[in-house]
Amino acid sequence: MASFSKSSTTVLIVFLFTVFCSLHNFSVSSFEFEVGGTHGWVVPPANDSKIYNDWASENRFQVGDTVRFKYRKDSVMEVNETEYKRCNSSHPSFFSNNGNSVFRLNQPRPFYFISGVSGHCEKGQRMIVKVISHEEESPSGGGKSSSGSHVAVSSLGVSALVFLQFVLSFVASNVI
Protein backbone atom coordinates (compact mmCIF):
# COMPACT_ATOMS: atom_id res chain seq x y z
CA MET A 1 0.00 0.00 0.00
CA ALA A 2 1.32 3.48 -0.85
CA SER A 3 2.46 5.59 2.04
CA PHE A 4 1.64 9.26 2.48
CA SER A 5 4.27 11.95 2.95
CA LYS A 6 4.01 13.92 6.18
CA SER A 7 2.88 17.07 4.34
CA SER A 8 0.12 15.30 2.38
CA THR A 9 -1.02 13.53 5.55
CA THR A 10 -1.18 16.87 7.37
CA VAL A 11 -3.22 18.42 4.56
CA LEU A 12 -5.58 15.44 4.57
CA ILE A 13 -6.02 15.62 8.35
CA VAL A 14 -6.74 19.36 8.21
CA PHE A 15 -9.24 18.79 5.38
CA LEU A 16 -11.02 15.96 7.22
CA PHE A 17 -11.04 17.97 10.44
CA THR A 18 -12.70 20.87 8.58
CA VAL A 19 -15.31 18.54 7.07
CA PHE A 20 -15.96 16.93 10.46
CA CYS A 21 -16.34 20.33 12.18
CA SER A 22 -18.87 21.46 9.57
CA LEU A 23 -21.08 18.37 9.92
CA HIS A 24 -23.29 20.20 12.41
CA ASN A 25 -24.39 22.46 9.54
CA PHE A 26 -25.93 19.46 7.82
CA SER A 27 -27.95 18.09 10.68
CA VAL A 28 -31.59 18.86 11.23
CA SER A 29 -33.47 18.39 14.46
CA SER A 30 -37.10 17.52 14.70
CA PHE A 31 -39.27 17.31 17.77
CA GLU A 32 -42.26 15.26 18.72
CA PHE A 33 -44.85 17.06 20.79
CA GLU A 34 -47.43 15.17 22.84
CA VAL A 35 -50.66 17.12 22.65
CA GLY A 36 -52.19 17.70 26.07
CA GLY A 37 -49.22 16.24 27.96
CA THR A 38 -50.27 13.59 30.47
CA HIS A 39 -53.98 14.32 29.92
CA GLY A 40 -53.82 13.68 26.19
CA TRP A 41 -56.41 14.70 23.60
CA VAL A 42 -59.61 14.98 25.65
CA VAL A 43 -62.60 17.30 25.97
CA PRO A 44 -61.28 20.17 28.09
CA PRO A 45 -62.99 21.29 31.29
CA ALA A 46 -65.84 23.78 30.72
CA ASN A 47 -63.83 26.63 32.22
CA ASP A 48 -60.72 25.96 30.06
CA SER A 49 -61.93 25.64 26.47
CA LYS A 50 -58.76 27.28 25.09
CA ILE A 51 -56.38 24.78 26.71
CA TYR A 52 -55.05 23.35 23.43
CA ASN A 53 -54.52 26.69 21.70
CA ASP A 54 -52.80 28.00 24.82
CA TRP A 55 -50.53 24.94 24.79
CA ALA A 56 -49.80 25.32 21.05
CA SER A 57 -48.95 29.01 21.42
CA GLU A 58 -46.37 28.16 24.12
CA ASN A 59 -44.47 25.89 21.70
CA ARG A 60 -42.42 26.58 18.60
CA PHE A 61 -43.28 24.17 15.80
CA GLN A 62 -41.02 23.77 12.77
CA VAL A 63 -41.25 21.89 9.50
CA GLY A 64 -40.46 18.22 10.23
CA ASP A 65 -41.79 18.23 13.79
CA THR A 66 -44.61 15.86 14.72
CA VAL A 67 -47.57 16.13 17.06
CA ARG A 68 -48.82 12.99 18.83
CA PHE A 69 -52.44 12.74 19.91
CA LYS A 70 -53.23 10.14 22.60
CA TYR A 71 -56.90 9.53 23.35
CA ARG A 72 -59.63 6.97 24.06
CA LYS A 73 -62.91 6.66 22.15
CA ASP A 74 -62.22 9.78 20.13
CA SER A 75 -60.50 10.88 16.93
CA VAL A 76 -58.39 13.65 15.50
CA MET A 77 -58.81 15.45 12.19
CA GLU A 78 -56.81 18.04 10.32
CA VAL A 79 -59.18 20.45 8.57
CA ASN A 80 -59.03 23.82 6.83
CA GLU A 81 -59.58 27.12 8.65
CA THR A 82 -63.26 27.43 7.70
CA GLU A 83 -64.05 23.90 8.91
CA TYR A 84 -62.08 24.60 12.10
CA LYS A 85 -64.12 27.73 12.86
CA ARG A 86 -67.40 25.87 12.19
CA CYS A 87 -66.30 22.63 13.91
CA ASN A 88 -67.19 20.88 10.66
CA SER A 89 -65.76 17.37 10.44
CA SER A 90 -67.19 16.38 7.05
CA HIS A 91 -64.08 17.02 4.87
CA PRO A 92 -60.89 16.35 6.84
CA SER A 93 -57.55 16.19 5.05
CA PHE A 94 -56.33 13.84 7.82
CA PHE A 95 -58.37 11.52 10.04
CA SER A 96 -57.28 9.02 12.65
CA ASN A 97 -59.09 7.20 15.44
CA ASN A 98 -56.48 4.65 16.56
CA GLY A 99 -55.90 6.25 19.99
CA ASN A 100 -52.26 7.15 19.27
CA SER A 101 -52.12 9.34 16.17
CA VAL A 102 -48.97 11.04 14.88
CA PHE A 103 -49.16 13.92 12.42
CA ARG A 104 -46.05 15.29 10.66
CA LEU A 105 -45.98 19.06 10.22
CA ASN A 106 -44.60 19.09 6.69
CA GLN A 107 -44.80 22.75 5.67
CA PRO A 108 -44.68 26.24 7.20
CA ARG A 109 -48.34 27.18 7.69
CA PRO A 110 -51.08 26.91 10.29
CA PHE A 111 -52.57 23.44 10.82
CA TYR A 112 -56.10 23.16 12.19
CA PHE A 113 -57.03 20.12 14.32
CA ILE A 114 -60.43 19.16 15.70
CA SER A 115 -61.96 16.16 17.40
CA GLY A 116 -64.18 14.13 15.09
CA VAL A 117 -66.61 13.16 17.84
CA SER A 118 -69.85 15.13 17.72
CA GLY A 119 -69.88 18.02 20.19
CA HIS A 120 -66.24 17.73 21.29
CA CYS A 121 -64.92 20.52 19.04
CA GLU A 122 -67.62 22.89 20.25
CA LYS A 123 -66.47 22.21 23.82
CA GLY A 124 -62.90 23.26 22.97
CA GLN A 125 -61.25 20.07 21.71
CA ARG A 126 -59.56 21.85 18.83
CA MET A 127 -56.20 23.45 18.20
CA ILE A 128 -54.26 25.62 15.76
CA VAL A 129 -50.58 24.73 15.31
CA LYS A 130 -48.52 27.44 13.59
CA VAL A 131 -45.47 25.96 11.87
CA ILE A 132 -42.47 28.09 10.96
CA SER A 133 -39.74 27.22 8.47
CA HIS A 134 -36.19 26.52 9.67
CA GLU A 135 -35.13 29.87 8.16
CA GLU A 136 -37.56 31.71 10.45
CA GLU A 137 -36.00 30.20 13.57
CA SER A 138 -34.19 32.63 15.83
CA PRO A 139 -30.37 32.38 15.86
CA SER A 140 -30.43 31.09 19.43
CA GLY A 141 -32.73 28.23 18.40
CA GLY A 142 -34.75 28.74 21.57
CA GLY A 143 -38.43 28.46 22.10
CA LYS A 144 -38.88 24.71 22.27
CA SER A 145 -40.94 23.62 25.20
CA SER A 146 -40.15 20.78 27.56
CA SER A 147 -43.30 19.04 26.33
CA GLY A 148 -41.45 18.07 23.15
CA SER A 149 -39.01 15.20 22.97
CA HIS A 150 -35.88 15.68 20.89
CA VAL A 151 -35.27 13.43 17.92
CA ALA A 152 -32.10 14.29 16.02
CA VAL A 153 -32.09 13.52 12.33
CA SER A 154 -28.87 13.70 10.37
CA SER A 155 -29.22 14.47 6.69
CA LEU A 156 -25.81 12.89 6.07
CA GLY A 157 -26.79 9.59 7.58
CA VAL A 158 -24.87 6.99 9.51
CA SER A 159 -22.94 5.69 6.48
CA ALA A 160 -21.22 9.05 5.96
CA LEU A 161 -20.16 9.17 9.60
CA VAL A 162 -18.87 5.58 9.47
CA PHE A 163 -16.93 6.43 6.32
CA LEU A 164 -15.42 9.50 8.00
CA GLN A 165 -14.40 7.40 11.00
CA PHE A 166 -12.78 4.85 8.68
CA VAL A 167 -10.79 7.55 6.85
CA LEU A 168 -9.62 9.10 10.11
CA SER A 169 -8.52 5.69 11.40
CA PHE A 170 -6.70 4.98 8.14
CA VAL A 171 -4.88 8.33 8.23
CA ALA A 172 -3.97 7.93 11.89
CA SER A 173 -2.50 4.47 11.28
CA ASN A 174 -0.37 5.76 8.38
CA VAL A 175 0.95 8.80 10.21
CA ILE A 176 2.90 6.72 12.70
C-alpha atoms as a PDB file:
ATOM      1  CA  MET A   1       0.000   0.000   0.000  1.00  0.00           C
ATOM      2  CA  ALA A   2       1.318   3.477  -0.853  1.00  0.00           C
ATOM      3  CA  SER A   3       2.459   5.594   2.045  1.00  0.00           C
ATOM      4  CA  PHE A   4       1.644   9.257   2.482  1.00  0.00           C
ATOM      5  CA  SER A   5       4.267  11.950   2.946  1.00  0.00           C
ATOM      6  CA  LYS A   6       4.014  13.918   6.177  1.00  0.00           C
ATOM      7  CA  SER A   7       2.882  17.071   4.343  1.00  0.00           C
ATOM      8  CA  SER A   8       0.120  15.304   2.381  1.00  0.00           C
ATOM      9  CA  THR A   9      -1.016  13.526   5.550  1.00  0.00           C
ATOM     10  CA  THR A  10      -1.180  16.867   7.372  1.00  0.00           C
ATOM     11  CA  VAL A  11      -3.216  18.423   4.560  1.00  0.00           C
ATOM     12  CA  LEU A  12      -5.575  15.437   4.570  1.00  0.00           C
ATOM     13  CA  ILE A  13      -6.024  15.616   8.350  1.00  0.00           C
ATOM     14  CA  VAL A  14      -6.739  19.356   8.213  1.00  0.00           C
ATOM     15  CA  PHE A  15      -9.239  18.794   5.384  1.00  0.00           C
ATOM     16  CA  LEU A  16     -11.021  15.964   7.223  1.00  0.00           C
ATOM     17  CA  PHE A  17     -11.043  17.966  10.435  1.00  0.00           C
ATOM     18  CA  THR A  18     -12.697  20.871   8.579  1.00  0.00           C
ATOM     19  CA  VAL A  19     -15.306  18.541   7.075  1.00  0.00           C
ATOM     20  CA  PHE A  20     -15.958  16.935  10.463  1.00  0.00           C
ATOM     21  CA  CYS A  21     -16.345  20.330  12.177  1.00  0.00           C
ATOM     22  CA  SER A  22     -18.869  21.459   9.566  1.00  0.00           C
ATOM     23  CA  LEU A  23     -21.077  18.367   9.923  1.00  0.00           C
ATOM     24  CA  HIS A  24     -23.295  20.196  12.410  1.00  0.00           C
ATOM     25  CA  ASN A  25     -24.391  22.462   9.544  1.00  0.00           C
ATOM     26  CA  PHE A  26     -25.927  19.459   7.816  1.00  0.00           C
ATOM     27  CA  SER A  27     -27.947  18.092  10.681  1.00  0.00           C
ATOM     28  CA  VAL A  28     -31.586  18.863  11.232  1.00  0.00           C
ATOM     29  CA  SER A  29     -33.467  18.387  14.457  1.00  0.00           C
ATOM     30  CA  SER A  30     -37.102  17.525  14.700  1.00  0.00           C
ATOM     31  CA  PHE A  31     -39.269  17.312  17.770  1.00  0.00           C
ATOM     32  CA  GLU A  32     -42.262  15.262  18.720  1.00  0.00           C
ATOM     33  CA  PHE A  33     -44.853  17.061  20.795  1.00  0.00           C
ATOM     34  CA  GLU A  34     -47.428  15.171  22.843  1.00  0.00           C
ATOM     35  CA  VAL A  35     -50.663  17.123  22.649  1.00  0.00           C
ATOM     36  CA  GLY A  36     -52.188  17.698  26.066  1.00  0.00           C
ATOM     37  CA  GLY A  37     -49.220  16.238  27.956  1.00  0.00           C
ATOM     38  CA  THR A  38     -50.269  13.587  30.473  1.00  0.00           C
ATOM     39  CA  HIS A  39     -53.979  14.324  29.922  1.00  0.00           C
ATOM     40  CA  GLY A  40     -53.818  13.681  26.192  1.00  0.00           C
ATOM     41  CA  TRP A  41     -56.407  14.703  23.598  1.00  0.00           C
ATOM     42  CA  VAL A  42     -59.606  14.983  25.651  1.00  0.00           C
ATOM     43  CA  VAL A  43     -62.595  17.302  25.969  1.00  0.00           C
ATOM     44  CA  PRO A  44     -61.283  20.175  28.086  1.00  0.00           C
ATOM     45  CA  PRO A  45     -62.994  21.289  31.292  1.00  0.00           C
ATOM     46  CA  ALA A  46     -65.839  23.780  30.718  1.00  0.00           C
ATOM     47  CA  ASN A  47     -63.830  26.631  32.217  1.00  0.00           C
ATOM     48  CA  ASP A  48     -60.725  25.957  30.061  1.00  0.00           C
ATOM     49  CA  SER A  49     -61.933  25.635  26.466  1.00  0.00           C
ATOM     50  CA  LYS A  50     -58.762  27.276  25.092  1.00  0.00           C
ATOM     51  CA  ILE A  51     -56.378  24.783  26.708  1.00  0.00           C
ATOM     52  CA  TYR A  52     -55.054  23.347  23.426  1.00  0.00           C
ATOM     53  CA  ASN A  53     -54.516  26.692  21.700  1.00  0.00           C
ATOM     54  CA  ASP A  54     -52.795  28.004  24.821  1.00  0.00           C
ATOM     55  CA  TRP A  55     -50.532  24.938  24.791  1.00  0.00           C
ATOM     56  CA  ALA A  56     -49.802  25.322  21.055  1.00  0.00           C
ATOM     57  CA  SER A  57     -48.946  29.011  21.423  1.00  0.00           C
ATOM     58  CA  GLU A  58     -46.370  28.156  24.117  1.00  0.00           C
ATOM     59  CA  ASN A  59     -44.466  25.892  21.705  1.00  0.00           C
ATOM     60  CA  ARG A  60     -42.424  26.580  18.601  1.00  0.00           C
ATOM     61  CA  PHE A  61     -43.278  24.172  15.799  1.00  0.00           C
ATOM     62  CA  GLN A  62     -41.021  23.766  12.765  1.00  0.00           C
ATOM     63  CA  VAL A  63     -41.251  21.890   9.501  1.00  0.00           C
ATOM     64  CA  GLY A  64     -40.459  18.218  10.230  1.00  0.00           C
ATOM     65  CA  ASP A  65     -41.790  18.231  13.793  1.00  0.00           C
ATOM     66  CA  THR A  66     -44.609  15.860  14.720  1.00  0.00           C
ATOM     67  CA  VAL A  67     -47.567  16.126  17.056  1.00  0.00           C
ATOM     68  CA  ARG A  68     -48.816  12.995  18.832  1.00  0.00           C
ATOM     69  CA  PHE A  69     -52.439  12.742  19.911  1.00  0.00           C
ATOM     70  CA  LYS A  70     -53.234  10.139  22.598  1.00  0.00           C
ATOM     71  CA  TYR A  71     -56.899   9.530  23.348  1.00  0.00           C
ATOM     72  CA  ARG A  72     -59.629   6.970  24.057  1.00  0.00           C
ATOM     73  CA  LYS A  73     -62.912   6.657  22.150  1.00  0.00           C
ATOM     74  CA  ASP A  74     -62.223   9.781  20.130  1.00  0.00           C
ATOM     75  CA  SER A  75     -60.496  10.880  16.928  1.00  0.00           C
ATOM     76  CA  VAL A  76     -58.385  13.655  15.502  1.00  0.00           C
ATOM     77  CA  MET A  77     -58.810  15.448  12.191  1.00  0.00           C
ATOM     78  CA  GLU A  78     -56.808  18.036  10.316  1.00  0.00           C
ATOM     79  CA  VAL A  79     -59.177  20.446   8.569  1.00  0.00           C
ATOM     80  CA  ASN A  80     -59.031  23.817   6.834  1.00  0.00           C
ATOM     81  CA  GLU A  81     -59.580  27.124   8.649  1.00  0.00           C
ATOM     82  CA  THR A  82     -63.262  27.429   7.698  1.00  0.00           C
ATOM     83  CA  GLU A  83     -64.053  23.896   8.909  1.00  0.00           C
ATOM     84  CA  TYR A  84     -62.085  24.599  12.098  1.00  0.00           C
ATOM     85  CA  LYS A  85     -64.120  27.734  12.862  1.00  0.00           C
ATOM     86  CA  ARG A  86     -67.397  25.872  12.195  1.00  0.00           C
ATOM     87  CA  CYS A  87     -66.304  22.626  13.910  1.00  0.00           C
ATOM     88  CA  ASN A  88     -67.189  20.882  10.656  1.00  0.00           C
ATOM     89  CA  SER A  89     -65.759  17.369  10.437  1.00  0.00           C
ATOM     90  CA  SER A  90     -67.193  16.383   7.047  1.00  0.00           C
ATOM     91  CA  HIS A  91     -64.085  17.020   4.869  1.00  0.00           C
ATOM     92  CA  PRO A  92     -60.890  16.354   6.837  1.00  0.00           C
ATOM     93  CA  SER A  93     -57.554  16.189   5.049  1.00  0.00           C
ATOM     94  CA  PHE A  94     -56.333  13.842   7.824  1.00  0.00           C
ATOM     95  CA  PHE A  95     -58.366  11.520  10.038  1.00  0.00           C
ATOM     96  CA  SER A  96     -57.280   9.021  12.653  1.00  0.00           C
ATOM     97  CA  ASN A  97     -59.090   7.199  15.443  1.00  0.00           C
ATOM     98  CA  ASN A  98     -56.482   4.646  16.561  1.00  0.00           C
ATOM     99  CA  GLY A  99     -55.895   6.251  19.989  1.00  0.00           C
ATOM    100  CA  ASN A 100     -52.264   7.150  19.272  1.00  0.00           C
ATOM    101  CA  SER A 101     -52.118   9.341  16.173  1.00  0.00           C
ATOM    102  CA  VAL A 102     -48.972  11.036  14.883  1.00  0.00           C
ATOM    103  CA  PHE A 103     -49.161  13.916  12.421  1.00  0.00           C
ATOM    104  CA  ARG A 104     -46.048  15.291  10.659  1.00  0.00           C
ATOM    105  CA  LEU A 105     -45.975  19.057  10.222  1.00  0.00           C
ATOM    106  CA  ASN A 106     -44.601  19.089   6.691  1.00  0.00           C
ATOM    107  CA  GLN A 107     -44.796  22.751   5.669  1.00  0.00           C
ATOM    108  CA  PRO A 108     -44.683  26.240   7.200  1.00  0.00           C
ATOM    109  CA  ARG A 109     -48.341  27.175   7.693  1.00  0.00           C
ATOM    110  CA  PRO A 110     -51.085  26.912  10.286  1.00  0.00           C
ATOM    111  CA  PHE A 111     -52.566  23.442  10.825  1.00  0.00           C
ATOM    112  CA  TYR A 112     -56.099  23.160  12.190  1.00  0.00           C
ATOM    113  CA  PHE A 113     -57.035  20.124  14.319  1.00  0.00           C
ATOM    114  CA  ILE A 114     -60.426  19.157  15.700  1.00  0.00           C
ATOM    115  CA  SER A 115     -61.962  16.155  17.400  1.00  0.00           C
ATOM    116  CA  GLY A 116     -64.176  14.128  15.086  1.00  0.00           C
ATOM    117  CA  VAL A 117     -66.609  13.163  17.841  1.00  0.00           C
ATOM    118  CA  SER A 118     -69.849  15.129  17.715  1.00  0.00           C
ATOM    119  CA  GLY A 119     -69.883  18.018  20.187  1.00  0.00           C
ATOM    120  CA  HIS A 120     -66.238  17.728  21.295  1.00  0.00           C
ATOM    121  CA  CYS A 121     -64.923  20.516  19.037  1.00  0.00           C
ATOM    122  CA  GLU A 122     -67.616  22.889  20.247  1.00  0.00           C
ATOM    123  CA  LYS A 123     -66.473  22.211  23.823  1.00  0.00           C
ATOM    124  CA  GLY A 124     -62.900  23.258  22.974  1.00  0.00           C
ATOM    125  CA  GLN A 125     -61.255  20.072  21.706  1.00  0.00           C
ATOM    126  CA  ARG A 126     -59.562  21.849  18.829  1.00  0.00           C
ATOM    127  CA  MET A 127     -56.203  23.447  18.198  1.00  0.00           C
ATOM    128  CA  ILE A 128     -54.259  25.623  15.764  1.00  0.00           C
ATOM    129  CA  VAL A 129     -50.582  24.730  15.307  1.00  0.00           C
ATOM    130  CA  LYS A 130     -48.522  27.436  13.590  1.00  0.00           C
ATOM    131  CA  VAL A 131     -45.471  25.958  11.867  1.00  0.00           C
ATOM    132  CA  ILE A 132     -42.465  28.092  10.957  1.00  0.00           C
ATOM    133  CA  SER A 133     -39.740  27.218   8.474  1.00  0.00           C
ATOM    134  CA  HIS A 134     -36.189  26.521   9.675  1.00  0.00           C
ATOM    135  CA  GLU A 135     -35.127  29.874   8.163  1.00  0.00           C
ATOM    136  CA  GLU A 136     -37.562  31.709  10.452  1.00  0.00           C
ATOM    137  CA  GLU A 137     -35.997  30.199  13.572  1.00  0.00           C
ATOM    138  CA  SER A 138     -34.194  32.627  15.829  1.00  0.00           C
ATOM    139  CA  PRO A 139     -30.369  32.376  15.855  1.00  0.00           C
ATOM    140  CA  SER A 140     -30.426  31.094  19.430  1.00  0.00           C
ATOM    141  CA  GLY A 141     -32.729  28.231  18.405  1.00  0.00           C
ATOM    142  CA  GLY A 142     -34.747  28.744  21.565  1.00  0.00           C
ATOM    143  CA  GLY A 143     -38.434  28.463  22.096  1.00  0.00           C
ATOM    144  CA  LYS A 144     -38.883  24.710  22.272  1.00  0.00           C
ATOM    145  CA  SER A 145     -40.935  23.616  25.203  1.00  0.00           C
ATOM    146  CA  SER A 146     -40.152  20.780  27.558  1.00  0.00           C
ATOM    147  CA  SER A 147     -43.302  19.039  26.327  1.00  0.00           C
ATOM    148  CA  GLY A 148     -41.452  18.069  23.150  1.00  0.00           C
ATOM    149  CA  SER A 149     -39.008  15.203  22.968  1.00  0.00           C
ATOM    150  CA  HIS A 150     -35.881  15.675  20.886  1.00  0.00           C
ATOM    151  CA  VAL A 151     -35.272  13.426  17.917  1.00  0.00           C
ATOM    152  CA  ALA A 152     -32.101  14.288  16.020  1.00  0.00           C
ATOM    153  CA  VAL A 153     -32.094  13.520  12.333  1.00  0.00           C
ATOM    154  CA  SER A 154     -28.871  13.703  10.366  1.00  0.00           C
ATOM    155  CA  SER A 155     -29.220  14.468   6.695  1.00  0.00           C
ATOM    156  CA  LEU A 156     -25.811  12.887   6.071  1.00  0.00           C
ATOM    157  CA  GLY A 157     -26.787   9.586   7.585  1.00  0.00           C
ATOM    158  CA  VAL A 158     -24.867   6.994   9.511  1.00  0.00           C
ATOM    159  CA  SER A 159     -22.944   5.687   6.478  1.00  0.00           C
ATOM    160  CA  ALA A 160     -21.221   9.051   5.964  1.00  0.00           C
ATOM    161  CA  LEU A 161     -20.158   9.169   9.604  1.00  0.00           C
ATOM    162  CA  VAL A 162     -18.874   5.579   9.471  1.00  0.00           C
ATOM    163  CA  PHE A 163     -16.926   6.432   6.319  1.00  0.00           C
ATOM    164  CA  LEU A 164     -15.416   9.498   7.997  1.00  0.00           C
ATOM    165  CA  GLN A 165     -14.399   7.397  11.002  1.00  0.00           C
ATOM    166  CA  PHE A 166     -12.779   4.848   8.675  1.00  0.00           C
ATOM    167  CA  VAL A 167     -10.791   7.552   6.846  1.00  0.00           C
ATOM    168  CA  LEU A 168      -9.618   9.101  10.111  1.00  0.00           C
ATOM    169  CA  SER A 169      -8.518   5.685  11.404  1.00  0.00           C
ATOM    170  CA  PHE A 170      -6.696   4.984   8.140  1.00  0.00           C
ATOM    171  CA  VAL A 171      -4.882   8.326   8.226  1.00  0.00           C
ATOM    172  CA  ALA A 172      -3.970   7.933  11.891  1.00  0.00           C
ATOM    173  CA  SER A 173      -2.504   4.470  11.282  1.00  0.00           C
ATOM    174  CA  ASN A 174      -0.373   5.759   8.379  1.00  0.00           C
ATOM    175  CA  VAL A 175       0.951   8.804  10.214  1.00  0.00           C
ATOM    176  CA  ILE A 176       2.903   6.722  12.704  1.00  0.00           C
END
